[in-house]
Amino acid sequence: MRFIGDFSAKTDAKGRVFLPAALRKILAAEDATKLVLRKDLFQKCLVLYPESVWNEKLDDLKSHLNLWKREHQDMLRRFSADAEPVELDSNGRILIAKSKLQYAEIDADVRFLGVDNKIEVWSKENLDQYLSADDELGSDIEGLFA
């Protein structure tokens, strides 16, 4: 499952937001009705995973941990504790908890960014700022493959 694209939407007063039709179509094609939402580890955004992808990520993390070590157990606990299941309602909306909206600094304008097998959920302002930053993406990719 691969998501691409940058889509705009708006939250309502209850924190519901329409998942863009192009993203819903990809989820429907994979029969992915259950999703998992958590804060991103590095950016002020949220990450929406299809449940199967979330399970793969969790299994990958666990494979690198020794659960007989306190710090490893704590890492798994903190990673899992922030996650919550979400489902599309009959109108194609998801409900985002107020605490997660506040973390991602989302007021009304939302941007959904398809990134490989996950969907990032950003405030419009934060994504605009992130994408407009003077970036050396071309040089970074050149260095990776050169």
N, C-alpha and C. Protein backbone atom coordinates (compact mmCIF):
# COMPACT_ATOMS: atom_id res chain seq x y z
N MET A 1 0.86 -1.16 0.00
CA MET A 1 0.00 0.00 0.00
C MET A 1 0.90 1.23 0.00
N ARG A 2 0.69 2.09 -0.96
CA ARG A 2 1.50 3.30 -1.09
C ARG A 2 0.59 4.52 -1.20
N PHE A 3 0.87 5.51 -0.38
CA PHE A 3 0.11 6.76 -0.42
C PHE A 3 1.01 7.86 -0.98
N ILE A 4 0.46 8.67 -1.87
CA ILE A 4 1.17 9.85 -2.36
C ILE A 4 0.18 10.99 -2.43
N GLY A 5 0.70 12.19 -2.41
CA GLY A 5 -0.14 13.36 -2.59
C GLY A 5 -0.18 14.24 -1.36
N ASP A 6 -0.64 15.45 -1.58
CA ASP A 6 -0.77 16.48 -0.56
C ASP A 6 -2.19 17.02 -0.69
N PHE A 7 -3.00 16.85 0.34
CA PHE A 7 -4.42 17.17 0.28
C PHE A 7 -4.81 18.10 1.42
N SER A 8 -5.66 19.05 1.15
CA SER A 8 -6.15 19.98 2.16
C SER A 8 -7.53 19.57 2.63
N ALA A 9 -7.82 19.85 3.90
CA ALA A 9 -9.13 19.59 4.47
C ALA A 9 -9.33 20.53 5.65
N LYS A 10 -10.48 20.46 6.28
CA LYS A 10 -10.78 21.27 7.46
C LYS A 10 -11.38 20.40 8.54
N THR A 11 -11.03 20.68 9.79
CA THR A 11 -11.66 19.99 10.90
C THR A 11 -12.95 20.71 11.26
N ASP A 12 -13.88 19.98 11.84
CA ASP A 12 -15.08 20.64 12.36
C ASP A 12 -14.88 20.87 13.86
N ALA A 13 -15.89 21.41 14.51
CA ALA A 13 -15.79 21.77 15.93
C ALA A 13 -15.55 20.56 16.83
N LYS A 14 -15.92 19.38 16.36
CA LYS A 14 -15.74 18.15 17.16
C LYS A 14 -14.40 17.46 16.89
N GLY A 15 -13.62 17.99 15.96
CA GLY A 15 -12.33 17.37 15.63
C GLY A 15 -12.43 16.34 14.54
N ARG A 16 -13.55 16.32 13.82
CA ARG A 16 -13.70 15.39 12.71
C ARG A 16 -13.16 16.04 11.44
N VAL A 17 -12.59 15.20 10.59
CA VAL A 17 -12.05 15.70 9.33
C VAL A 17 -12.27 14.64 8.25
N PHE A 18 -12.65 15.09 7.05
CA PHE A 18 -12.82 14.17 5.93
C PHE A 18 -11.46 13.71 5.44
N LEU A 19 -11.28 12.41 5.37
CA LEU A 19 -10.09 11.87 4.75
C LEU A 19 -10.27 12.03 3.25
N PRO A 20 -9.32 12.63 2.55
CA PRO A 20 -9.48 12.86 1.11
C PRO A 20 -9.85 11.58 0.34
N ALA A 21 -10.69 11.75 -0.66
CA ALA A 21 -11.21 10.62 -1.44
C ALA A 21 -10.09 9.77 -2.04
N ALA A 22 -9.03 10.40 -2.52
CA ALA A 22 -7.92 9.65 -3.13
C ALA A 22 -7.28 8.70 -2.12
N LEU A 23 -7.18 9.12 -0.87
CA LEU A 23 -6.59 8.28 0.17
C LEU A 23 -7.57 7.19 0.59
N ARG A 24 -8.86 7.56 0.69
CA ARG A 24 -9.89 6.57 1.02
C ARG A 24 -9.95 5.46 -0.03
N LYS A 25 -9.74 5.84 -1.28
CA LYS A 25 -9.78 4.87 -2.38
C LYS A 25 -8.66 3.83 -2.22
N ILE A 26 -7.47 4.27 -1.84
CA ILE A 26 -6.35 3.35 -1.63
C ILE A 26 -6.66 2.42 -0.46
N LEU A 27 -7.18 2.98 0.62
CA LEU A 27 -7.55 2.16 1.78
C LEU A 27 -8.62 1.13 1.41
N ALA A 28 -9.62 1.56 0.65
CA ALA A 28 -10.71 0.66 0.26
C ALA A 28 -10.19 -0.48 -0.63
N ALA A 29 -9.26 -0.16 -1.53
CA ALA A 29 -8.70 -1.18 -2.42
C ALA A 29 -7.97 -2.27 -1.64
N GLU A 30 -7.43 -1.89 -0.49
CA GLU A 30 -6.70 -2.84 0.36
C GLU A 30 -7.58 -3.39 1.48
N ASP A 31 -8.86 -3.00 1.48
CA ASP A 31 -9.81 -3.40 2.52
C ASP A 31 -9.28 -3.03 3.92
N ALA A 32 -8.67 -1.86 4.00
CA ALA A 32 -8.09 -1.37 5.25
C ALA A 32 -9.07 -0.41 5.92
N THR A 33 -9.93 -0.95 6.76
CA THR A 33 -10.95 -0.13 7.42
C THR A 33 -10.51 0.36 8.78
N LYS A 34 -9.54 -0.32 9.37
CA LYS A 34 -9.06 0.07 10.69
C LYS A 34 -7.73 0.81 10.55
N LEU A 35 -7.62 1.91 11.29
CA LEU A 35 -6.44 2.76 11.23
C LEU A 35 -5.92 3.01 12.64
N VAL A 36 -4.66 3.40 12.73
CA VAL A 36 -4.03 3.75 14.00
C VAL A 36 -3.41 5.13 13.85
N LEU A 37 -3.67 5.99 14.83
CA LEU A 37 -3.16 7.37 14.81
C LEU A 37 -2.23 7.58 15.99
N ARG A 38 -1.08 8.18 15.74
CA ARG A 38 -0.16 8.53 16.83
C ARG A 38 0.62 9.78 16.44
N LYS A 39 1.26 10.39 17.43
CA LYS A 39 2.13 11.53 17.17
C LYS A 39 3.37 11.04 16.43
N ASP A 40 3.87 11.88 15.52
CA ASP A 40 5.11 11.57 14.85
C ASP A 40 6.25 11.65 15.86
N LEU A 41 7.29 10.88 15.64
CA LEU A 41 8.44 10.88 16.55
C LEU A 41 9.34 12.10 16.41
N PHE A 42 9.34 12.73 15.22
CA PHE A 42 10.32 13.78 14.96
C PHE A 42 9.73 15.13 14.57
N GLN A 43 8.50 15.16 14.10
CA GLN A 43 7.89 16.41 13.63
C GLN A 43 6.60 16.68 14.40
N LYS A 44 6.13 17.92 14.36
CA LYS A 44 4.87 18.31 15.00
C LYS A 44 3.72 17.96 14.07
N CYS A 45 3.53 16.66 13.84
CA CYS A 45 2.43 16.19 13.02
C CYS A 45 1.96 14.85 13.57
N LEU A 46 0.89 14.36 13.01
CA LEU A 46 0.34 13.06 13.40
C LEU A 46 0.57 12.08 12.26
N VAL A 47 0.57 10.80 12.59
CA VAL A 47 0.76 9.78 11.56
C VAL A 47 -0.42 8.81 11.64
N LEU A 48 -1.02 8.57 10.49
CA LEU A 48 -2.15 7.67 10.37
C LEU A 48 -1.66 6.43 9.62
N TYR A 49 -1.74 5.29 10.32
CA TYR A 49 -1.29 4.03 9.74
C TYR A 49 -2.48 3.12 9.47
N PRO A 50 -2.54 2.44 8.34
CA PRO A 50 -3.47 1.32 8.24
C PRO A 50 -3.06 0.31 9.32
N GLU A 51 -4.02 -0.39 9.89
CA GLU A 51 -3.72 -1.29 11.00
C GLU A 51 -2.64 -2.31 10.66
N SER A 52 -2.64 -2.83 9.45
CA SER A 52 -1.63 -3.82 9.06
C SER A 52 -0.23 -3.21 9.06
N VAL A 53 -0.11 -1.97 8.62
CA VAL A 53 1.18 -1.28 8.62
C VAL A 53 1.61 -0.99 10.05
N TRP A 54 0.68 -0.55 10.89
CA TRP A 54 0.99 -0.31 12.30
C TRP A 54 1.54 -1.59 12.94
N ASN A 55 0.89 -2.72 12.68
CA ASN A 55 1.35 -3.99 13.26
C ASN A 55 2.75 -4.33 12.78
N GLU A 56 3.06 -4.06 11.52
CA GLU A 56 4.42 -4.29 11.01
C GLU A 56 5.42 -3.40 11.73
N LYS A 57 5.08 -2.12 11.92
CA LYS A 57 5.98 -1.18 12.60
C LYS A 57 6.23 -1.63 14.04
N LEU A 58 5.16 -2.05 14.71
CA LEU A 58 5.28 -2.49 16.09
C LEU A 58 6.13 -3.76 16.18
N ASP A 59 5.90 -4.69 15.25
CA ASP A 59 6.70 -5.92 15.23
C ASP A 59 8.18 -5.61 14.96
N ASP A 60 8.43 -4.66 14.05
CA ASP A 60 9.81 -4.27 13.75
C ASP A 60 10.48 -3.68 14.99
N LEU A 61 9.77 -2.79 15.67
CA LEU A 61 10.33 -2.20 16.90
C LEU A 61 10.62 -3.29 17.92
N LYS A 62 9.67 -4.18 18.14
CA LYS A 62 9.85 -5.24 19.13
C LYS A 62 11.03 -6.14 18.78
N SER A 63 11.27 -6.35 17.49
CA SER A 63 12.37 -7.23 17.09
C SER A 63 13.74 -6.63 17.44
N HIS A 64 13.78 -5.32 17.68
CA HIS A 64 15.03 -4.66 18.04
C HIS A 64 15.16 -4.44 19.55
N LEU A 65 14.18 -4.89 20.29
CA LEU A 65 14.18 -4.66 21.74
C LEU A 65 14.40 -5.95 22.50
N ASN A 66 14.98 -5.80 23.66
CA ASN A 66 15.08 -6.88 24.63
C ASN A 66 14.11 -6.50 25.76
N LEU A 67 12.96 -7.15 25.80
CA LEU A 67 11.93 -6.75 26.76
C LEU A 67 12.28 -7.11 28.21
N TRP A 68 13.47 -7.68 28.40
CA TRP A 68 13.98 -7.90 29.76
C TRP A 68 14.83 -6.73 30.23
N LYS A 69 14.95 -5.69 29.36
CA LYS A 69 15.64 -4.45 29.74
C LYS A 69 14.59 -3.39 29.99
N ARG A 70 14.72 -2.73 31.13
CA ARG A 70 13.74 -1.73 31.54
C ARG A 70 13.56 -0.63 30.49
N GLU A 71 14.67 -0.10 29.97
CA GLU A 71 14.55 1.01 29.01
C GLU A 71 13.90 0.56 27.71
N HIS A 72 14.10 -0.69 27.32
CA HIS A 72 13.46 -1.21 26.12
C HIS A 72 11.96 -1.38 26.34
N GLN A 73 11.60 -1.89 27.50
CA GLN A 73 10.20 -2.05 27.84
C GLN A 73 9.50 -0.69 27.91
N ASP A 74 10.20 0.29 28.48
CA ASP A 74 9.65 1.64 28.56
C ASP A 74 9.47 2.25 27.17
N MET A 75 10.41 1.99 26.28
CA MET A 75 10.32 2.51 24.92
C MET A 75 9.08 1.95 24.21
N LEU A 76 8.88 0.65 24.31
CA LEU A 76 7.71 0.02 23.70
C LEU A 76 6.42 0.57 24.32
N ARG A 77 6.42 0.74 25.63
CA ARG A 77 5.25 1.25 26.32
C ARG A 77 4.91 2.66 25.85
N ARG A 78 5.92 3.53 25.78
CA ARG A 78 5.68 4.92 25.37
C ARG A 78 5.24 5.00 23.91
N PHE A 79 5.83 4.17 23.07
CA PHE A 79 5.46 4.17 21.66
C PHE A 79 4.01 3.72 21.49
N SER A 80 3.63 2.68 22.21
CA SER A 80 2.28 2.14 22.10
C SER A 80 1.23 3.00 22.79
N ALA A 81 1.59 3.61 23.90
CA ALA A 81 0.63 4.36 24.70
C ALA A 81 0.06 5.55 23.94
N ASP A 82 0.82 6.10 23.04
CA ASP A 82 0.37 7.29 22.31
C ASP A 82 -0.54 6.94 21.13
N ALA A 83 -0.61 5.67 20.77
CA ALA A 83 -1.39 5.26 19.62
C ALA A 83 -2.85 5.05 20.00
N GLU A 84 -3.72 5.35 19.04
CA GLU A 84 -5.15 5.08 19.27
C GLU A 84 -5.80 4.63 17.97
N PRO A 85 -6.72 3.69 18.09
CA PRO A 85 -7.42 3.24 16.88
C PRO A 85 -8.42 4.29 16.42
N VAL A 86 -8.53 4.45 15.11
CA VAL A 86 -9.54 5.33 14.53
C VAL A 86 -10.16 4.60 13.35
N GLU A 87 -11.41 4.93 13.09
CA GLU A 87 -12.11 4.33 11.96
C GLU A 87 -12.80 5.42 11.18
N LEU A 88 -12.93 5.19 9.91
CA LEU A 88 -13.68 6.11 9.07
C LEU A 88 -15.16 5.94 9.39
N ASP A 89 -15.88 7.05 9.55
CA ASP A 89 -17.32 6.94 9.74
C ASP A 89 -17.99 6.78 8.37
N SER A 90 -19.28 6.69 8.35
CA SER A 90 -20.00 6.44 7.09
C SER A 90 -19.86 7.58 6.10
N ASN A 91 -19.42 8.75 6.58
CA ASN A 91 -19.21 9.90 5.69
C ASN A 91 -17.76 10.05 5.24
N GLY A 92 -16.88 9.14 5.67
CA GLY A 92 -15.47 9.22 5.28
C GLY A 92 -14.65 10.13 6.15
N ARG A 93 -15.11 10.36 7.39
CA ARG A 93 -14.38 11.22 8.32
C ARG A 93 -13.71 10.40 9.40
N ILE A 94 -12.63 10.96 9.96
CA ILE A 94 -12.02 10.40 11.16
C ILE A 94 -12.15 11.44 12.26
N LEU A 95 -12.18 10.97 13.49
CA LEU A 95 -12.22 11.84 14.66
C LEU A 95 -10.83 11.88 15.26
N ILE A 96 -10.30 13.09 15.40
CA ILE A 96 -8.96 13.26 15.99
C ILE A 96 -9.14 13.87 17.37
N ALA A 97 -8.57 13.23 18.37
CA ALA A 97 -8.69 13.71 19.75
C ALA A 97 -8.12 15.13 19.88
N LYS A 98 -8.74 15.91 20.73
CA LYS A 98 -8.31 17.31 20.94
C LYS A 98 -6.85 17.39 21.33
N SER A 99 -6.38 16.46 22.18
CA SER A 99 -4.98 16.51 22.61
C SER A 99 -4.03 16.31 21.43
N LYS A 100 -4.40 15.48 20.48
CA LYS A 100 -3.55 15.27 19.31
C LYS A 100 -3.61 16.48 18.37
N LEU A 101 -4.79 17.08 18.23
CA LEU A 101 -4.90 18.30 17.42
C LEU A 101 -4.02 19.40 18.01
N GLN A 102 -4.04 19.53 19.34
CA GLN A 102 -3.22 20.55 20.00
C GLN A 102 -1.74 20.27 19.80
N TYR A 103 -1.33 19.01 19.94
CA TYR A 103 0.07 18.65 19.74
C TYR A 103 0.55 19.06 18.35
N ALA A 104 -0.26 18.75 17.33
CA ALA A 104 0.12 19.03 15.95
C ALA A 104 -0.18 20.47 15.54
N GLU A 105 -0.70 21.25 16.48
CA GLU A 105 -1.02 22.67 16.25
C GLU A 105 -2.02 22.84 15.11
N ILE A 106 -2.99 21.92 15.07
CA ILE A 106 -4.04 21.97 14.05
C ILE A 106 -5.24 22.70 14.64
N ASP A 107 -5.62 23.79 13.98
CA ASP A 107 -6.83 24.52 14.37
C ASP A 107 -7.98 24.10 13.48
N ALA A 108 -7.95 24.52 12.26
CA ALA A 108 -9.03 24.18 11.33
C ALA A 108 -8.46 23.58 10.04
N ASP A 109 -7.43 24.22 9.49
CA ASP A 109 -6.87 23.77 8.21
C ASP A 109 -5.90 22.60 8.43
N VAL A 110 -6.18 21.52 7.73
CA VAL A 110 -5.41 20.28 7.85
C VAL A 110 -4.82 19.95 6.50
N ARG A 111 -3.64 19.37 6.52
CA ARG A 111 -3.03 18.85 5.29
C ARG A 111 -2.72 17.38 5.52
N PHE A 112 -3.13 16.55 4.58
CA PHE A 112 -2.80 15.13 4.58
C PHE A 112 -1.71 14.93 3.56
N LEU A 113 -0.63 14.31 3.99
CA LEU A 113 0.51 14.07 3.12
C LEU A 113 0.74 12.56 3.03
N GLY A 114 0.60 12.00 1.82
CA GLY A 114 0.86 10.58 1.64
C GLY A 114 2.35 10.34 1.59
N VAL A 115 2.84 9.52 2.50
CA VAL A 115 4.28 9.23 2.60
C VAL A 115 4.46 7.71 2.69
N ASP A 116 4.67 7.10 1.54
CA ASP A 116 4.89 5.66 1.46
C ASP A 116 3.67 4.90 1.98
N ASN A 117 3.80 4.19 3.09
CA ASN A 117 2.70 3.36 3.58
C ASN A 117 1.96 3.98 4.76
N LYS A 118 2.09 5.29 4.91
CA LYS A 118 1.42 6.00 5.99
C LYS A 118 0.93 7.35 5.48
N ILE A 119 0.08 7.97 6.28
CA ILE A 119 -0.46 9.28 5.94
C ILE A 119 -0.11 10.22 7.09
N GLU A 120 0.59 11.30 6.77
CA GLU A 120 0.89 12.30 7.79
C GLU A 120 -0.22 13.34 7.82
N VAL A 121 -0.54 13.80 9.03
CA VAL A 121 -1.59 14.79 9.23
C VAL A 121 -0.94 16.02 9.85
N TRP A 122 -0.94 17.13 9.13
CA TRP A 122 -0.22 18.34 9.52
C TRP A 122 -1.18 19.52 9.64
N SER A 123 -0.77 20.51 10.41
CA SER A 123 -1.44 21.81 10.30
C SER A 123 -0.95 22.42 8.99
N LYS A 124 -1.80 23.19 8.35
CA LYS A 124 -1.42 23.81 7.08
C LYS A 124 -0.16 24.65 7.25
N GLU A 125 -0.12 25.45 8.32
CA GLU A 125 1.01 26.35 8.54
C GLU A 125 2.31 25.58 8.76
N ASN A 126 2.26 24.53 9.58
CA ASN A 126 3.48 23.77 9.87
C ASN A 126 4.02 23.07 8.63
N LEU A 127 3.12 22.50 7.81
CA LEU A 127 3.60 21.83 6.60
C LEU A 127 4.14 22.84 5.60
N ASP A 128 3.46 23.97 5.44
CA ASP A 128 3.96 25.01 4.54
C ASP A 128 5.36 25.43 4.95
N GLN A 129 5.55 25.63 6.25
CA GLN A 129 6.86 26.05 6.76
C GLN A 129 7.90 24.95 6.53
N TYR A 130 7.54 23.72 6.82
CA TYR A 130 8.47 22.60 6.65
C TYR A 130 8.89 22.45 5.19
N LEU A 131 7.91 22.49 4.28
CA LEU A 131 8.22 22.28 2.86
C LEU A 131 8.94 23.46 2.23
N SER A 132 8.79 24.66 2.79
CA SER A 132 9.43 25.83 2.20
C SER A 132 10.83 26.07 2.74
N ALA A 133 11.23 25.32 3.76
CA ALA A 133 12.56 25.50 4.33
C ALA A 133 13.61 25.25 3.25
N ASP A 134 14.67 26.08 3.26
CA ASP A 134 15.75 25.89 2.31
C ASP A 134 16.33 24.49 2.53
N ASP A 135 16.21 23.67 1.54
CA ASP A 135 16.46 22.26 1.70
C ASP A 135 17.51 21.78 0.70
N GLU A 136 18.23 20.79 1.09
CA GLU A 136 19.24 20.21 0.23
C GLU A 136 18.85 18.79 -0.17
N LEU A 137 17.56 18.59 -0.47
CA LEU A 137 17.08 17.24 -0.80
C LEU A 137 17.86 16.64 -1.97
N GLY A 138 18.03 17.41 -3.01
CA GLY A 138 18.77 16.89 -4.17
C GLY A 138 20.16 16.44 -3.79
N SER A 139 20.86 17.24 -3.01
CA SER A 139 22.23 16.89 -2.58
C SER A 139 22.21 15.68 -1.67
N ASP A 140 21.21 15.61 -0.78
CA ASP A 140 21.12 14.46 0.14
C ASP A 140 20.90 13.17 -0.65
N ILE A 141 20.01 13.21 -1.63
CA ILE A 141 19.74 12.01 -2.43
C ILE A 141 20.95 11.65 -3.27
N GLU A 142 21.61 12.66 -3.82
CA GLU A 142 22.83 12.41 -4.60
C GLU A 142 23.88 11.73 -3.73
N GLY A 143 24.05 12.21 -2.50
CA GLY A 143 25.03 11.61 -1.59
C GLY A 143 24.68 10.17 -1.21
N LEU A 144 23.38 9.91 -1.11
CA LEU A 144 22.94 8.55 -0.75
C LEU A 144 23.22 7.56 -1.86
N PHE A 145 23.04 7.98 -3.11
CA PHE A 145 23.17 7.06 -4.23
C PHE A 145 24.51 7.18 -4.97
N ALA A 146 25.31 8.18 -4.68
CA ALA A 146 26.56 8.37 -5.41
C ALA A 146 27.59 7.34 -5.03
